[in-house]
Structures are given as structure tokens and as C-alpha cells.
N, C-alpha and C. Protein backbone atom coordinates (compact mmCIF):
# COMPACT_ATOMS: atom_id res chain seq x y z
N MET A 1 0.84 -1.19 0.00
CA MET A 1 0.00 0.00 0.00
C MET A 1 0.88 1.24 0.00
N CYS A 2 0.41 2.27 -0.70
CA CYS A 2 1.15 3.52 -0.73
C CYS A 2 1.01 4.23 0.60
N GLN A 3 2.01 5.04 0.93
CA GLN A 3 1.93 5.84 2.13
C GLN A 3 0.88 6.92 1.95
N THR A 4 0.31 7.37 3.07
CA THR A 4 -0.71 8.41 3.02
C THR A 4 -0.13 9.71 2.49
N MET A 5 -0.90 10.42 1.64
CA MET A 5 -0.40 11.62 1.02
C MET A 5 -1.32 12.81 1.28
N ASP A 6 -2.09 12.76 2.35
CA ASP A 6 -3.04 13.84 2.62
C ASP A 6 -2.34 15.13 2.98
N ALA A 7 -1.29 15.04 3.81
CA ALA A 7 -0.60 16.25 4.24
C ALA A 7 0.38 16.71 3.18
N GLU A 8 0.30 17.98 2.81
CA GLU A 8 1.20 18.52 1.80
C GLU A 8 2.59 18.67 2.39
N PRO A 9 3.64 18.08 1.77
CA PRO A 9 4.99 18.20 2.31
C PRO A 9 5.43 19.65 2.39
N GLU A 10 6.26 19.96 3.36
CA GLU A 10 6.74 21.32 3.56
C GLU A 10 7.52 21.80 2.35
N THR A 11 8.14 20.85 1.60
CA THR A 11 8.94 21.26 0.46
C THR A 11 8.10 21.73 -0.71
N LEU A 12 6.80 21.36 -0.75
CA LEU A 12 5.96 21.74 -1.87
C LEU A 12 5.27 23.08 -1.60
N LYS A 13 6.02 24.12 -1.75
CA LYS A 13 5.51 25.47 -1.50
C LYS A 13 5.17 26.14 -2.82
N THR A 14 4.21 27.01 -2.81
CA THR A 14 3.83 27.72 -4.02
C THR A 14 4.98 28.58 -4.51
N SER A 15 5.09 28.71 -5.82
CA SER A 15 6.18 29.48 -6.41
C SER A 15 6.09 30.95 -6.04
N TRP A 16 4.90 31.41 -5.64
CA TRP A 16 4.78 32.83 -5.28
C TRP A 16 5.62 33.12 -4.05
N SER A 17 5.72 32.17 -3.15
CA SER A 17 6.59 32.35 -2.00
C SER A 17 8.05 32.43 -2.44
N LEU A 18 8.42 31.57 -3.39
CA LEU A 18 9.79 31.58 -3.90
C LEU A 18 10.09 32.89 -4.61
N VAL A 19 9.16 33.34 -5.44
CA VAL A 19 9.37 34.61 -6.17
C VAL A 19 9.58 35.77 -5.20
N ALA A 20 8.80 35.79 -4.14
CA ALA A 20 8.95 36.87 -3.15
C ALA A 20 10.34 36.83 -2.52
N ARG A 21 10.82 35.61 -2.27
CA ARG A 21 12.15 35.48 -1.66
C ARG A 21 13.26 35.82 -2.65
N LEU A 22 13.02 35.61 -3.94
CA LEU A 22 14.03 35.93 -4.94
C LEU A 22 14.30 37.43 -5.04
N LYS A 23 13.36 38.23 -4.58
CA LYS A 23 13.56 39.67 -4.61
C LYS A 23 14.71 40.11 -3.71
N ASN A 24 15.06 39.23 -2.78
CA ASN A 24 16.26 39.46 -1.97
C ASN A 24 17.42 38.79 -2.68
N LEU A 25 18.21 39.54 -3.42
CA LEU A 25 19.28 38.97 -4.23
C LEU A 25 20.35 38.29 -3.40
N ALA A 26 20.39 38.59 -2.11
CA ALA A 26 21.40 37.98 -1.23
C ALA A 26 20.94 36.62 -0.68
N ASP A 27 19.69 36.26 -0.98
CA ASP A 27 19.15 34.99 -0.48
C ASP A 27 19.63 33.86 -1.39
N GLN A 28 20.82 33.35 -1.13
CA GLN A 28 21.43 32.33 -1.98
C GLN A 28 20.65 31.03 -1.98
N ASP A 29 20.03 30.68 -0.85
CA ASP A 29 19.26 29.44 -0.79
C ASP A 29 18.09 29.48 -1.77
N SER A 30 17.39 30.61 -1.82
CA SER A 30 16.25 30.73 -2.72
C SER A 30 16.69 30.74 -4.18
N TRP A 31 17.79 31.40 -4.47
CA TRP A 31 18.29 31.41 -5.84
C TRP A 31 18.79 30.03 -6.25
N SER A 32 19.35 29.28 -5.32
CA SER A 32 19.76 27.91 -5.62
C SER A 32 18.54 27.04 -5.90
N GLU A 33 17.46 27.27 -5.14
CA GLU A 33 16.22 26.54 -5.37
C GLU A 33 15.65 26.87 -6.74
N PHE A 34 15.66 28.14 -7.09
CA PHE A 34 15.19 28.56 -8.41
C PHE A 34 16.01 27.88 -9.51
N ASP A 35 17.33 27.88 -9.34
CA ASP A 35 18.21 27.28 -10.33
C ASP A 35 17.90 25.81 -10.52
N GLU A 36 17.68 25.10 -9.42
CA GLU A 36 17.38 23.67 -9.49
C GLU A 36 16.05 23.40 -10.18
N LEU A 37 15.06 24.26 -9.92
CA LEU A 37 13.73 24.04 -10.47
C LEU A 37 13.62 24.42 -11.94
N TYR A 38 14.26 25.53 -12.32
CA TYR A 38 14.00 26.10 -13.64
C TYR A 38 15.12 25.97 -14.65
N ARG A 39 16.37 25.75 -14.20
CA ARG A 39 17.46 25.65 -15.17
C ARG A 39 17.22 24.54 -16.20
N PRO A 40 16.79 23.33 -15.79
CA PRO A 40 16.55 22.29 -16.80
C PRO A 40 15.49 22.70 -17.81
N LEU A 41 14.45 23.40 -17.36
CA LEU A 41 13.38 23.84 -18.26
C LEU A 41 13.92 24.84 -19.27
N ILE A 42 14.66 25.83 -18.81
CA ILE A 42 15.21 26.85 -19.70
C ILE A 42 16.15 26.21 -20.72
N LEU A 43 16.99 25.30 -20.26
CA LEU A 43 17.96 24.67 -21.14
C LEU A 43 17.26 23.84 -22.22
N ARG A 44 16.25 23.07 -21.83
CA ARG A 44 15.55 22.23 -22.81
C ARG A 44 14.81 23.07 -23.83
N VAL A 45 14.17 24.14 -23.39
CA VAL A 45 13.46 25.01 -24.33
C VAL A 45 14.44 25.60 -25.33
N ALA A 46 15.59 26.07 -24.86
CA ALA A 46 16.59 26.66 -25.76
C ALA A 46 17.10 25.64 -26.77
N LEU A 47 17.34 24.41 -26.32
CA LEU A 47 17.82 23.37 -27.23
C LEU A 47 16.75 23.00 -28.25
N LYS A 48 15.51 22.84 -27.78
CA LYS A 48 14.42 22.49 -28.69
C LYS A 48 14.12 23.63 -29.67
N ALA A 49 14.51 24.85 -29.31
CA ALA A 49 14.30 25.99 -30.21
C ALA A 49 15.35 26.03 -31.31
N GLY A 50 16.29 25.10 -31.29
CA GLY A 50 17.25 25.01 -32.37
C GLY A 50 18.64 25.51 -32.05
N LEU A 51 18.91 25.86 -30.81
CA LEU A 51 20.23 26.36 -30.46
C LEU A 51 21.21 25.22 -30.23
N ARG A 52 22.49 25.53 -30.44
CA ARG A 52 23.54 24.58 -30.08
C ARG A 52 23.66 24.54 -28.56
N ALA A 53 24.39 23.53 -28.07
CA ALA A 53 24.52 23.37 -26.62
C ALA A 53 25.16 24.59 -25.98
N ASP A 54 26.20 25.15 -26.63
CA ASP A 54 26.86 26.32 -26.05
C ASP A 54 25.95 27.53 -26.07
N GLU A 55 25.16 27.67 -27.13
CA GLU A 55 24.21 28.78 -27.21
C GLU A 55 23.12 28.64 -26.16
N ALA A 56 22.66 27.40 -25.97
CA ALA A 56 21.61 27.16 -24.97
C ALA A 56 22.11 27.49 -23.57
N GLN A 57 23.36 27.13 -23.28
CA GLN A 57 23.94 27.47 -21.97
C GLN A 57 24.03 28.99 -21.81
N ASP A 58 24.35 29.68 -22.89
CA ASP A 58 24.38 31.15 -22.83
C ASP A 58 22.99 31.71 -22.53
N VAL A 59 21.97 31.09 -23.12
CA VAL A 59 20.59 31.53 -22.85
C VAL A 59 20.27 31.37 -21.38
N VAL A 60 20.68 30.25 -20.79
CA VAL A 60 20.44 30.02 -19.36
C VAL A 60 21.11 31.13 -18.55
N GLN A 61 22.38 31.40 -18.83
CA GLN A 61 23.11 32.39 -18.05
C GLN A 61 22.54 33.80 -18.24
N GLU A 62 22.19 34.14 -19.49
CA GLU A 62 21.62 35.46 -19.76
C GLU A 62 20.24 35.61 -19.12
N THR A 63 19.48 34.52 -19.12
CA THR A 63 18.16 34.58 -18.47
C THR A 63 18.33 34.80 -16.97
N MET A 64 19.29 34.14 -16.36
CA MET A 64 19.56 34.34 -14.93
C MET A 64 19.95 35.78 -14.65
N ARG A 65 20.80 36.32 -15.51
CA ARG A 65 21.22 37.72 -15.31
C ARG A 65 20.04 38.67 -15.46
N THR A 66 19.21 38.40 -16.47
CA THR A 66 18.02 39.25 -16.67
C THR A 66 17.08 39.14 -15.47
N MET A 67 16.96 37.91 -14.95
CA MET A 67 16.12 37.71 -13.76
C MET A 67 16.57 38.60 -12.61
N THR A 68 17.87 38.64 -12.35
CA THR A 68 18.36 39.44 -11.21
C THR A 68 18.09 40.93 -11.43
N LYS A 69 18.05 41.35 -12.69
CA LYS A 69 17.83 42.77 -12.99
C LYS A 69 16.36 43.16 -12.88
N HIS A 70 15.46 42.22 -13.22
CA HIS A 70 14.05 42.59 -13.35
C HIS A 70 13.12 41.92 -12.34
N ILE A 71 13.64 41.06 -11.48
CA ILE A 71 12.77 40.36 -10.54
C ILE A 71 12.05 41.34 -9.61
N GLN A 72 12.67 42.47 -9.35
CA GLN A 72 12.04 43.45 -8.45
C GLN A 72 10.75 44.01 -9.04
N THR A 73 10.64 44.03 -10.37
CA THR A 73 9.46 44.61 -11.01
C THR A 73 8.34 43.58 -11.21
N PHE A 74 8.65 42.30 -10.97
CA PHE A 74 7.62 41.28 -11.14
C PHE A 74 6.72 41.24 -9.93
N VAL A 75 5.42 41.30 -10.17
CA VAL A 75 4.43 41.27 -9.10
C VAL A 75 3.93 39.84 -8.92
N ALA A 76 4.18 39.28 -7.75
CA ALA A 76 3.78 37.90 -7.47
C ALA A 76 2.28 37.83 -7.19
N ASP A 77 1.50 37.88 -8.26
CA ASP A 77 0.05 37.87 -8.15
C ASP A 77 -0.52 37.02 -9.28
N PRO A 78 -1.10 35.85 -8.97
CA PRO A 78 -1.63 34.98 -10.02
C PRO A 78 -2.62 35.69 -10.94
N ALA A 79 -3.32 36.69 -10.44
CA ALA A 79 -4.31 37.41 -11.25
C ALA A 79 -3.64 38.19 -12.38
N ARG A 80 -2.35 38.46 -12.25
CA ARG A 80 -1.63 39.23 -13.26
C ARG A 80 -0.82 38.35 -14.20
N GLY A 81 -0.98 37.04 -14.07
CA GLY A 81 -0.26 36.12 -14.95
C GLY A 81 0.72 35.26 -14.17
N SER A 82 1.08 34.14 -14.76
CA SER A 82 1.94 33.20 -14.07
C SER A 82 3.41 33.61 -14.13
N PHE A 83 4.14 33.17 -13.16
CA PHE A 83 5.58 33.39 -13.14
C PHE A 83 6.23 32.66 -14.31
N ARG A 84 5.72 31.47 -14.61
CA ARG A 84 6.28 30.69 -15.71
C ARG A 84 6.18 31.45 -17.04
N ALA A 85 5.02 32.06 -17.30
CA ALA A 85 4.86 32.80 -18.56
C ALA A 85 5.84 33.97 -18.63
N TRP A 86 6.00 34.66 -17.50
CA TRP A 86 6.94 35.78 -17.45
C TRP A 86 8.36 35.30 -17.71
N LEU A 87 8.74 34.21 -17.07
CA LEU A 87 10.09 33.67 -17.22
C LEU A 87 10.33 33.21 -18.66
N LEU A 88 9.37 32.52 -19.26
CA LEU A 88 9.57 32.02 -20.61
C LEU A 88 9.60 33.13 -21.64
N ASN A 89 9.00 34.26 -21.33
CA ASN A 89 9.16 35.43 -22.20
C ASN A 89 10.60 35.91 -22.17
N LEU A 90 11.21 35.90 -20.99
CA LEU A 90 12.63 36.25 -20.90
C LEU A 90 13.47 35.28 -21.72
N VAL A 91 13.13 33.99 -21.62
CA VAL A 91 13.86 32.97 -22.38
C VAL A 91 13.70 33.21 -23.88
N ARG A 92 12.49 33.53 -24.30
CA ARG A 92 12.21 33.80 -25.72
C ARG A 92 13.12 34.91 -26.25
N TRP A 93 13.25 35.98 -25.48
CA TRP A 93 14.08 37.11 -25.90
C TRP A 93 15.55 36.73 -25.96
N ARG A 94 15.99 35.93 -25.01
CA ARG A 94 17.41 35.53 -25.01
C ARG A 94 17.71 34.56 -26.16
N ILE A 95 16.74 33.72 -26.52
CA ILE A 95 16.90 32.85 -27.69
C ILE A 95 16.99 33.70 -28.95
N ALA A 96 16.13 34.69 -29.05
CA ALA A 96 16.16 35.59 -30.21
C ALA A 96 17.51 36.29 -30.31
N ASP A 97 18.08 36.68 -29.18
CA ASP A 97 19.40 37.31 -29.18
C ASP A 97 20.44 36.36 -29.76
N GLN A 98 20.40 35.10 -29.34
CA GLN A 98 21.36 34.12 -29.82
C GLN A 98 21.22 33.90 -31.33
N LEU A 99 19.99 33.80 -31.80
CA LEU A 99 19.76 33.61 -33.23
C LEU A 99 20.22 34.84 -34.01
N GLY A 100 20.00 36.02 -33.42
CA GLY A 100 20.43 37.24 -34.08
C GLY A 100 21.93 37.32 -34.27
N ARG A 101 22.67 36.74 -33.35
CA ARG A 101 24.13 36.76 -33.46
C ARG A 101 24.65 35.89 -34.59
N ARG A 102 23.81 34.98 -35.06
CA ARG A 102 24.23 34.11 -36.16
C ARG A 102 24.16 34.82 -37.51
N LEU A 103 23.29 35.80 -37.62
CA LEU A 103 22.97 36.37 -38.93
C LEU A 103 24.16 36.90 -39.71
N PRO A 104 25.09 37.66 -39.10
CA PRO A 104 26.23 38.17 -39.87
C PRO A 104 27.07 37.07 -40.50
N HIS A 105 27.07 35.89 -39.87
CA HIS A 105 27.88 34.79 -40.37
C HIS A 105 27.19 34.04 -41.50
N ARG A 106 25.94 34.42 -41.80
CA ARG A 106 25.20 33.73 -42.86
C ARG A 106 24.99 34.62 -44.07
N ALA A 107 25.75 35.72 -44.14
CA ALA A 107 25.57 36.66 -45.24
C ALA A 107 26.00 36.04 -46.57
N GLY A 108 27.09 35.25 -46.56
CA GLY A 108 27.58 34.64 -47.79
C GLY A 108 26.91 33.32 -48.07
N ALA A 109 27.05 32.88 -49.28
CA ALA A 109 26.47 31.58 -49.64
C ALA A 109 27.29 30.46 -49.02
N GLU A 110 26.64 29.35 -48.74
CA GLU A 110 27.35 28.21 -48.18
C GLU A 110 28.25 27.59 -49.23
N SER A 111 29.32 27.00 -48.77
CA SER A 111 30.26 26.36 -49.67
C SER A 111 29.58 25.23 -50.42
N PRO A 112 29.81 25.14 -51.75
CA PRO A 112 29.16 24.06 -52.52
C PRO A 112 29.61 22.68 -52.10
N THR A 113 30.73 22.62 -51.34
CA THR A 113 31.22 21.31 -50.90
C THR A 113 30.45 20.80 -49.70
N LYS A 114 29.68 21.68 -49.05
CA LYS A 114 28.92 21.27 -47.88
C LYS A 114 27.66 20.54 -48.30
N ASN A 115 27.15 19.72 -47.43
CA ASN A 115 25.92 18.99 -47.70
C ASN A 115 24.74 19.94 -47.59
N THR A 116 24.11 20.24 -48.71
CA THR A 116 23.00 21.19 -48.72
C THR A 116 21.66 20.51 -48.48
N ALA A 117 21.67 19.19 -48.32
CA ALA A 117 20.41 18.48 -48.10
C ALA A 117 19.85 18.77 -46.72
N ARG A 118 20.73 19.16 -45.79
CA ARG A 118 20.28 19.42 -44.43
C ARG A 118 19.86 20.88 -44.29
N THR A 119 18.68 21.11 -43.75
CA THR A 119 18.20 22.47 -43.56
C THR A 119 19.03 23.17 -42.50
N PRO A 120 19.55 24.37 -42.77
CA PRO A 120 20.34 25.08 -41.76
C PRO A 120 19.55 25.26 -40.48
N THR A 121 20.27 25.20 -39.34
CA THR A 121 19.61 25.28 -38.04
C THR A 121 18.75 26.52 -37.92
N VAL A 122 19.25 27.66 -38.38
CA VAL A 122 18.51 28.91 -38.20
C VAL A 122 17.17 28.88 -38.92
N GLU A 123 17.06 28.00 -39.96
CA GLU A 123 15.80 27.91 -40.69
C GLU A 123 14.87 26.86 -40.09
N ARG A 124 15.39 26.06 -39.14
CA ARG A 124 14.58 25.01 -38.55
C ARG A 124 14.00 25.39 -37.20
N VAL A 125 14.33 26.56 -36.69
CA VAL A 125 13.85 26.96 -35.39
C VAL A 125 12.39 27.37 -35.48
N PRO A 126 11.64 27.19 -34.40
CA PRO A 126 10.23 27.59 -34.42
C PRO A 126 10.10 29.11 -34.43
N ASP A 127 8.96 29.57 -34.90
CA ASP A 127 8.67 31.00 -34.85
C ASP A 127 8.54 31.41 -33.39
N LEU A 128 9.46 32.25 -32.93
CA LEU A 128 9.48 32.61 -31.51
C LEU A 128 8.25 33.41 -31.09
N ASN A 129 7.56 33.99 -32.04
CA ASN A 129 6.37 34.76 -31.72
C ASN A 129 5.07 34.02 -32.08
N GLY A 130 5.21 32.76 -32.43
CA GLY A 130 4.04 32.02 -32.88
C GLY A 130 3.63 30.90 -31.95
N ALA A 131 2.62 30.17 -32.40
CA ALA A 131 2.05 29.09 -31.59
C ALA A 131 3.02 27.93 -31.44
N GLU A 132 3.93 27.76 -32.41
CA GLU A 132 4.87 26.65 -32.35
C GLU A 132 5.77 26.76 -31.13
N PHE A 133 6.25 27.98 -30.87
CA PHE A 133 7.11 28.17 -29.69
C PHE A 133 6.32 27.98 -28.41
N GLU A 134 5.08 28.45 -28.39
CA GLU A 134 4.23 28.27 -27.22
C GLU A 134 4.02 26.78 -26.95
N ALA A 135 3.80 26.01 -28.01
CA ALA A 135 3.60 24.57 -27.86
C ALA A 135 4.88 23.90 -27.36
N LEU A 136 6.03 24.36 -27.87
CA LEU A 136 7.31 23.83 -27.41
C LEU A 136 7.48 24.06 -25.92
N CYS A 137 7.18 25.29 -25.48
CA CYS A 137 7.30 25.62 -24.06
C CYS A 137 6.36 24.77 -23.22
N ASP A 138 5.14 24.58 -23.69
CA ASP A 138 4.17 23.78 -22.95
C ASP A 138 4.64 22.33 -22.83
N GLU A 139 5.21 21.81 -23.91
CA GLU A 139 5.69 20.43 -23.90
C GLU A 139 6.83 20.26 -22.90
N GLU A 140 7.78 21.18 -22.94
CA GLU A 140 8.93 21.09 -22.03
C GLU A 140 8.51 21.36 -20.59
N TRP A 141 7.52 22.20 -20.40
CA TRP A 141 6.97 22.45 -19.06
C TRP A 141 6.39 21.17 -18.48
N ARG A 142 5.59 20.48 -19.29
CA ARG A 142 4.99 19.23 -18.81
C ARG A 142 6.07 18.19 -18.48
N GLN A 143 7.12 18.16 -19.28
CA GLN A 143 8.21 17.22 -19.03
C GLN A 143 8.93 17.56 -17.73
N GLN A 144 9.17 18.85 -17.50
CA GLN A 144 9.83 19.27 -16.27
C GLN A 144 8.99 18.94 -15.05
N VAL A 145 7.70 19.22 -15.14
CA VAL A 145 6.79 18.91 -14.02
C VAL A 145 6.79 17.41 -13.75
N ARG A 146 6.73 16.62 -14.80
CA ARG A 146 6.68 15.17 -14.64
C ARG A 146 7.96 14.66 -13.98
N GLU A 147 9.11 15.16 -14.41
CA GLU A 147 10.38 14.70 -13.83
C GLU A 147 10.46 15.06 -12.35
N LEU A 148 10.07 16.27 -12.01
CA LEU A 148 10.10 16.67 -10.61
C LEU A 148 9.10 15.86 -9.79
N ALA A 149 7.92 15.61 -10.38
CA ALA A 149 6.89 14.84 -9.67
C ALA A 149 7.34 13.41 -9.43
N LEU A 150 8.03 12.83 -10.39
CA LEU A 150 8.51 11.46 -10.22
C LEU A 150 9.56 11.37 -9.11
N LYS A 151 10.39 12.40 -8.99
CA LYS A 151 11.37 12.44 -7.90
C LYS A 151 10.65 12.51 -6.55
N GLU A 152 9.62 13.33 -6.49
CA GLU A 152 8.83 13.44 -5.26
C GLU A 152 8.14 12.10 -4.96
N LEU A 153 7.65 11.48 -6.01
CA LEU A 153 6.93 10.21 -5.85
C LEU A 153 7.81 9.14 -5.21
N GLN A 154 9.06 9.10 -5.62
CA GLN A 154 9.98 8.10 -5.08
C GLN A 154 10.15 8.23 -3.57
N LEU A 155 9.98 9.45 -3.06
CA LEU A 155 10.11 9.69 -1.62
C LEU A 155 8.82 9.38 -0.87
N LYS A 156 7.73 9.22 -1.59
CA LYS A 156 6.42 9.11 -0.96
C LYS A 156 5.84 7.70 -0.97
N VAL A 157 6.37 6.83 -1.80
CA VAL A 157 5.82 5.47 -1.88
C VAL A 157 6.93 4.46 -1.62
N LYS A 158 6.52 3.25 -1.34
CA LYS A 158 7.49 2.18 -1.11
C LYS A 158 8.31 1.94 -2.39
N ALA A 159 9.56 1.54 -2.19
CA ALA A 159 10.46 1.33 -3.33
C ALA A 159 9.90 0.28 -4.30
N GLU A 160 9.32 -0.79 -3.75
CA GLU A 160 8.77 -1.83 -4.60
C GLU A 160 7.60 -1.30 -5.43
N HIS A 161 6.77 -0.46 -4.80
CA HIS A 161 5.61 0.08 -5.50
C HIS A 161 6.03 1.03 -6.61
N TYR A 162 7.07 1.83 -6.33
CA TYR A 162 7.57 2.73 -7.38
C TYR A 162 8.15 1.91 -8.53
N GLN A 163 8.86 0.84 -8.20
CA GLN A 163 9.45 -0.01 -9.24
C GLN A 163 8.35 -0.59 -10.13
N ILE A 164 7.28 -1.07 -9.51
CA ILE A 164 6.17 -1.63 -10.29
C ILE A 164 5.55 -0.57 -11.19
N PHE A 165 5.33 0.62 -10.64
CA PHE A 165 4.74 1.71 -11.43
C PHE A 165 5.68 2.09 -12.58
N HIS A 166 6.97 2.18 -12.29
CA HIS A 166 7.94 2.55 -13.30
C HIS A 166 7.95 1.53 -14.44
N LEU A 167 7.93 0.25 -14.10
CA LEU A 167 7.95 -0.79 -15.12
C LEU A 167 6.70 -0.75 -15.99
N LEU A 168 5.56 -0.48 -15.37
CA LEU A 168 4.30 -0.46 -16.11
C LEU A 168 4.10 0.83 -16.90
N ALA A 169 4.24 1.97 -16.22
CA ALA A 169 3.87 3.25 -16.82
C ALA A 169 4.97 3.86 -17.67
N LEU A 170 6.23 3.69 -17.26
CA LEU A 170 7.32 4.33 -17.98
C LEU A 170 8.01 3.39 -18.97
N GLU A 171 8.21 2.15 -18.55
CA GLU A 171 8.83 1.18 -19.46
C GLU A 171 7.79 0.45 -20.30
N GLU A 172 6.52 0.63 -19.96
CA GLU A 172 5.39 0.08 -20.71
C GLU A 172 5.46 -1.46 -20.84
N ARG A 173 5.85 -2.08 -19.75
CA ARG A 173 5.83 -3.55 -19.72
C ARG A 173 4.42 -4.03 -19.38
N SER A 174 4.13 -5.25 -19.71
CA SER A 174 2.79 -5.79 -19.46
C SER A 174 2.62 -6.14 -17.99
N VAL A 175 1.37 -6.18 -17.55
CA VAL A 175 1.07 -6.54 -16.18
C VAL A 175 1.56 -7.95 -15.88
N GLU A 176 1.37 -8.85 -16.82
CA GLU A 176 1.81 -10.23 -16.63
C GLU A 176 3.32 -10.30 -16.43
N GLU A 177 4.06 -9.55 -17.24
CA GLU A 177 5.52 -9.57 -17.13
C GLU A 177 5.97 -9.00 -15.79
N VAL A 178 5.39 -7.88 -15.40
CA VAL A 178 5.78 -7.23 -14.14
C VAL A 178 5.42 -8.10 -12.95
N ALA A 179 4.24 -8.70 -12.99
CA ALA A 179 3.82 -9.59 -11.90
C ALA A 179 4.82 -10.72 -11.70
N GLY A 180 5.31 -11.27 -12.81
CA GLY A 180 6.30 -12.33 -12.72
C GLY A 180 7.63 -11.83 -12.20
N MET A 181 8.01 -10.59 -12.57
CA MET A 181 9.29 -10.04 -12.15
C MET A 181 9.35 -9.78 -10.65
N VAL A 182 8.22 -9.30 -10.09
CA VAL A 182 8.22 -8.91 -8.68
C VAL A 182 7.57 -9.95 -7.78
N GLY A 183 7.07 -11.04 -8.36
CA GLY A 183 6.47 -12.09 -7.55
C GLY A 183 5.15 -11.70 -6.92
N ARG A 184 4.34 -10.97 -7.67
CA ARG A 184 3.02 -10.54 -7.19
C ARG A 184 1.94 -11.08 -8.11
N HIS A 185 0.71 -11.18 -7.56
CA HIS A 185 -0.44 -11.53 -8.38
C HIS A 185 -0.79 -10.35 -9.27
N ARG A 186 -1.41 -10.64 -10.41
CA ARG A 186 -1.81 -9.57 -11.34
C ARG A 186 -2.71 -8.55 -10.66
N ALA A 187 -3.64 -9.02 -9.83
CA ALA A 187 -4.56 -8.09 -9.15
C ALA A 187 -3.80 -7.13 -8.25
N GLN A 188 -2.77 -7.63 -7.59
CA GLN A 188 -1.97 -6.75 -6.72
C GLN A 188 -1.22 -5.71 -7.55
N VAL A 189 -0.70 -6.12 -8.68
CA VAL A 189 0.04 -5.19 -9.56
C VAL A 189 -0.90 -4.10 -10.08
N TYR A 190 -2.10 -4.51 -10.49
CA TYR A 190 -3.09 -3.53 -10.95
C TYR A 190 -3.39 -2.51 -9.84
N LEU A 191 -3.61 -3.01 -8.62
CA LEU A 191 -3.96 -2.14 -7.51
C LEU A 191 -2.83 -1.17 -7.19
N ILE A 192 -1.60 -1.66 -7.18
CA ILE A 192 -0.46 -0.81 -6.88
C ILE A 192 -0.31 0.27 -7.96
N ARG A 193 -0.47 -0.11 -9.23
CA ARG A 193 -0.38 0.88 -10.31
C ARG A 193 -1.43 1.97 -10.13
N HIS A 194 -2.64 1.56 -9.80
CA HIS A 194 -3.71 2.53 -9.62
C HIS A 194 -3.40 3.50 -8.48
N ARG A 195 -2.96 2.98 -7.34
CA ARG A 195 -2.71 3.82 -6.18
C ARG A 195 -1.51 4.74 -6.38
N VAL A 196 -0.46 4.21 -6.99
CA VAL A 196 0.72 5.05 -7.24
C VAL A 196 0.40 6.10 -8.31
N GLY A 197 -0.37 5.72 -9.30
CA GLY A 197 -0.78 6.68 -10.33
C GLY A 197 -1.60 7.82 -9.74
N LYS A 198 -2.47 7.49 -8.80
CA LYS A 198 -3.28 8.50 -8.13
C LYS A 198 -2.39 9.43 -7.30
N ALA A 199 -1.39 8.85 -6.63
CA ALA A 199 -0.45 9.66 -5.86
C ALA A 199 0.34 10.59 -6.77
N LEU A 200 0.74 10.09 -7.95
CA LEU A 200 1.50 10.91 -8.89
C LEU A 200 0.68 12.10 -9.37
N LYS A 201 -0.59 11.88 -9.65
CA LYS A 201 -1.44 12.99 -10.10
C LYS A 201 -1.51 14.10 -9.04
N LYS A 202 -1.59 13.70 -7.79
CA LYS A 202 -1.65 14.68 -6.72
C LYS A 202 -0.33 15.46 -6.63
N ILE A 203 0.78 14.76 -6.77
CA ILE A 203 2.08 15.42 -6.71
C ILE A 203 2.27 16.35 -7.90
N VAL A 204 1.82 15.93 -9.08
CA VAL A 204 1.91 16.79 -10.27
C VAL A 204 1.19 18.11 -10.01
N ALA A 205 0.01 18.04 -9.43
CA ALA A 205 -0.74 19.26 -9.13
C ALA A 205 0.02 20.14 -8.14
N GLN A 206 0.67 19.53 -7.16
CA GLN A 206 1.44 20.28 -6.18
C GLN A 206 2.67 20.93 -6.81
N VAL A 207 3.34 20.19 -7.69
CA VAL A 207 4.53 20.72 -8.36
C VAL A 207 4.14 21.89 -9.27
N GLU A 208 3.02 21.76 -9.99
CA GLU A 208 2.56 22.85 -10.85
C GLU A 208 2.28 24.10 -10.03
N LYS A 209 1.70 23.91 -8.86
CA LYS A 209 1.43 25.05 -7.97
C LYS A 209 2.74 25.67 -7.50
N ARG A 210 3.70 24.84 -7.19
CA ARG A 210 4.98 25.35 -6.69
C ARG A 210 5.71 26.14 -7.76
N LEU A 211 5.67 25.65 -9.01
CA LEU A 211 6.42 26.30 -10.09
C LEU A 211 5.71 27.54 -10.63
N GLY A 212 4.41 27.60 -10.47
CA GLY A 212 3.67 28.80 -10.87
C GLY A 212 3.27 28.82 -12.34
């Protein structure tokens, strides 16, 4: 059986509390928490937007610098928009900056010896002002939430139960196969998957609230 999950863990705090603490630039603990929560999201969005690894890392660093400059002007009020939307707008601008730096190097024609069958990276990036970029951000957001939720889940359920859920839901193995692997009846495996899945949904909601 899964452990009880009625009480919200102290670590699952709303992002509005974090944003308020970030306004104190000397609060290294809060900035470290922000870095842990959002750096993977920023990096993945930049990479999926077509940037090279070094360019994506620059986007992360420039976004952090921009954050320190403008966090004081951000109002932590859900009625005025989410923190995530505000942050991803900063990321959008930093990605545009990186793409803009490529342009002078593309003034001349490509060498005829190069493989022209591959579309140049700058032409494969999504429209930063269009729905494609918004969809990219939404996809990476869901992935970030899921990864964080799965980490939380491992702390909240028995190791065996997490293993069963992981084998079924993430590795997509059959119930029969998993039951044989862990020495459980099929009915028990079904029940564990249901309970752990329900726990994961609750954690996902908590993580979404924390990230804003």
C-alpha cells in the first residue's frame, strides 16, 4: 500500500513564495532553489528551439542575469499572470538574441562542398512569436513537471511500489511480465499501479502550484 499523502509536504511550497524570496538577491538558498527548479526547463526550451549546446547554456546564463535585474518589477500575483509565462518570455528574448548573433555569419552563400540536403539550423527553429514556440514551451513544461513529480513520488511510496509503477507506466511492460518479475499476483500489480498513479497525479498538481 502507498503511504498516506493527505498532508502537503513542507517542500511543496507555491512558487509565489519563492518569487517573493528571490527579490532578496542575497538569499542564496532561494536562488539555488530557483536554479534547481527552472534551469533544466530553460535549457531544454533553448535546445528544442534550435540552439547549439553552447548557445543554450548562454541563454540560461543570460536569463539568470536578466532575472536578477528585473525580478524586483515582477508582481507575485496569479491574477496578473503566471511566473512561468513571465520567465519564458525572458527565455524567448534571449533565444532571439542568440539567433540574431548568427545572422552576420550567414551573409555569404554556403560552400558548394557542404551537404545542402540538411536544412540550416537557423531555418529550422520555431517562430518565436508564434504558436509553435508556445507549444514547445508547454511540452517542455509538462516534461519538467513530470520529472520533478517522479522524484517526489519516489520519496512518498514504497520502493517496490515505485518499481512496479515505473515498469508499467514508464517502461510500458505488461502486467503479466511485471507480476512475474516482482512475484506478485496480477490483481496486486493492478492495484499498486492505480494507487501510485493517483499519488502521482496529486504530486503533479502540487509541483505545478509550486512552479507557478
